[in-house]
Amino acid sequence: MSKILLSIPDEMLEKIDKYKDIKKIKRNKLIIEAIENYFNSLWEEEYFERKKKAFESIKKTRDYIMSLGIKDWDPVGEIRKFRDSAESETLKRLTSR
């Protein structure tokens, strides 16, 4: 395990000590948990941003297809077909080993 030297304001150290006493854990464990929670929140932000962009892309594709005069196109159905065919292909590869 690596060690680091960290300078933090006295007020922050007081907060750390307060919560470490409440949770009955050491300072370093509290700090590590805080950092892990921070990275988890970053991951969630990135995940939801990617999901939002994918949704916007699907809407643009749908609008484009609709502008071509194709009125009965089902994007969800297309995704299901793609997913099912990919799943079927994967199962074939796994069982042929």
Protein backbone atom coordinates (compact mmCIF):
# COMPACT_ATOMS: atom_id res chain seq x y z
CA MET A 1 0.00 0.00 0.00
CA SER A 2 1.29 3.44 -0.89
CA LYS A 3 1.53 6.33 1.50
CA ILE A 4 0.95 9.98 0.66
CA LEU A 5 1.48 13.23 2.48
CA LEU A 6 -1.65 15.32 2.42
CA SER A 7 -2.16 18.87 3.61
CA ILE A 8 -5.73 19.85 4.39
CA PRO A 9 -7.33 22.78 6.17
CA ASP A 10 -7.83 22.42 9.93
CA GLU A 11 -11.62 22.76 9.54
CA MET A 12 -11.67 19.79 7.16
CA LEU A 13 -9.62 17.71 9.57
CA GLU A 14 -12.10 18.52 12.33
CA LYS A 15 -14.94 17.25 10.12
CA ILE A 16 -12.98 14.10 9.31
CA ASP A 17 -12.28 13.45 12.97
CA LYS A 18 -15.92 14.05 13.88
CA TYR A 19 -17.21 11.53 11.35
CA LYS A 20 -14.50 8.96 11.91
CA ASP A 21 -15.48 8.94 15.58
CA ILE A 22 -19.16 8.57 14.69
CA LYS A 23 -18.42 5.69 12.30
CA LYS A 24 -15.76 4.30 14.65
CA ILE A 25 -13.15 3.93 11.91
CA LYS A 26 -9.68 5.31 11.25
CA ARG A 27 -9.07 8.54 9.34
CA ASN A 28 -7.51 6.80 6.38
CA LYS A 29 -10.50 4.45 6.01
CA LEU A 30 -12.90 7.40 6.08
CA ILE A 31 -10.85 9.24 3.45
CA ILE A 32 -10.60 6.14 1.24
CA GLU A 33 -14.38 5.61 1.47
CA ALA A 34 -14.96 9.27 0.60
CA ILE A 35 -12.70 8.99 -2.45
CA GLU A 36 -14.41 5.76 -3.56
CA ASN A 37 -17.82 7.44 -3.23
CA TYR A 38 -16.55 10.39 -5.26
CA PHE A 39 -15.33 8.12 -8.07
CA ASN A 40 -18.67 6.27 -8.01
CA SER A 41 -20.52 9.56 -8.42
CA LEU A 42 -18.24 10.50 -11.34
CA TRP A 43 -18.94 7.14 -12.96
CA GLU A 44 -22.70 7.66 -12.53
CA GLU A 45 -22.49 11.13 -14.08
CA GLU A 46 -20.56 9.77 -17.06
CA TYR A 47 -22.96 6.83 -17.42
CA PHE A 48 -26.05 9.04 -17.46
CA GLU A 49 -24.38 11.48 -19.86
CA ARG A 50 -23.58 8.64 -22.27
CA LYS A 51 -27.13 7.36 -21.91
CA LYS A 52 -28.52 10.83 -22.63
CA LYS A 53 -26.33 11.18 -25.74
CA ALA A 54 -27.39 7.74 -26.98
CA PHE A 55 -31.05 8.67 -26.52
CA GLU A 56 -30.53 11.94 -28.43
CA SER A 57 -28.80 10.02 -31.23
CA ILE A 58 -31.72 7.59 -31.43
CA LYS A 59 -34.17 10.51 -31.62
CA LYS A 60 -32.17 12.08 -34.47
CA THR A 61 -32.09 8.77 -36.33
CA ARG A 62 -35.83 8.33 -35.83
CA ASP A 63 -36.51 11.86 -37.06
CA TYR A 64 -34.32 11.27 -40.11
CA ILE A 65 -36.07 8.01 -40.97
CA MET A 66 -39.45 9.64 -40.50
CA SER A 67 -38.37 12.48 -42.84
CA LEU A 68 -37.75 9.85 -45.53
CA GLY A 69 -41.44 8.95 -45.38
CA ILE A 70 -41.05 5.69 -43.49
CA LYS A 71 -43.90 6.00 -41.02
CA ASP A 72 -44.12 2.51 -39.51
CA TRP A 73 -40.49 2.10 -38.44
CA ASP A 74 -40.17 0.74 -34.89
CA PRO A 75 -36.79 1.67 -33.38
CA VAL A 76 -37.38 -0.47 -30.28
CA GLY A 77 -38.22 -3.44 -32.48
CA GLU A 78 -35.03 -2.89 -34.49
CA ILE A 79 -32.94 -2.80 -31.33
CA ARG A 80 -34.60 -6.00 -30.11
CA LYS A 81 -33.91 -7.74 -33.44
CA PHE A 82 -30.27 -6.68 -33.29
CA ARG A 83 -29.92 -7.75 -29.66
CA ASP A 84 -31.62 -11.10 -30.27
CA SER A 85 -29.51 -11.87 -33.34
CA ALA A 86 -26.33 -10.94 -31.48
CA GLU A 87 -27.38 -13.13 -28.55
CA SER A 88 -28.20 -16.01 -30.88
CA GLU A 89 -24.84 -15.68 -32.64
CA THR A 90 -23.00 -15.60 -29.30
CA LEU A 91 -24.79 -18.73 -28.11
CA LYS A 92 -23.89 -20.52 -31.34
CA ARG A 93 -20.21 -19.64 -30.86
CA LEU A 94 -20.24 -20.76 -27.24
CA THR A 95 -21.93 -24.10 -27.92
CA SER A 96 -19.74 -24.93 -30.92
CA ARG A 97 -16.58 -25.10 -28.79
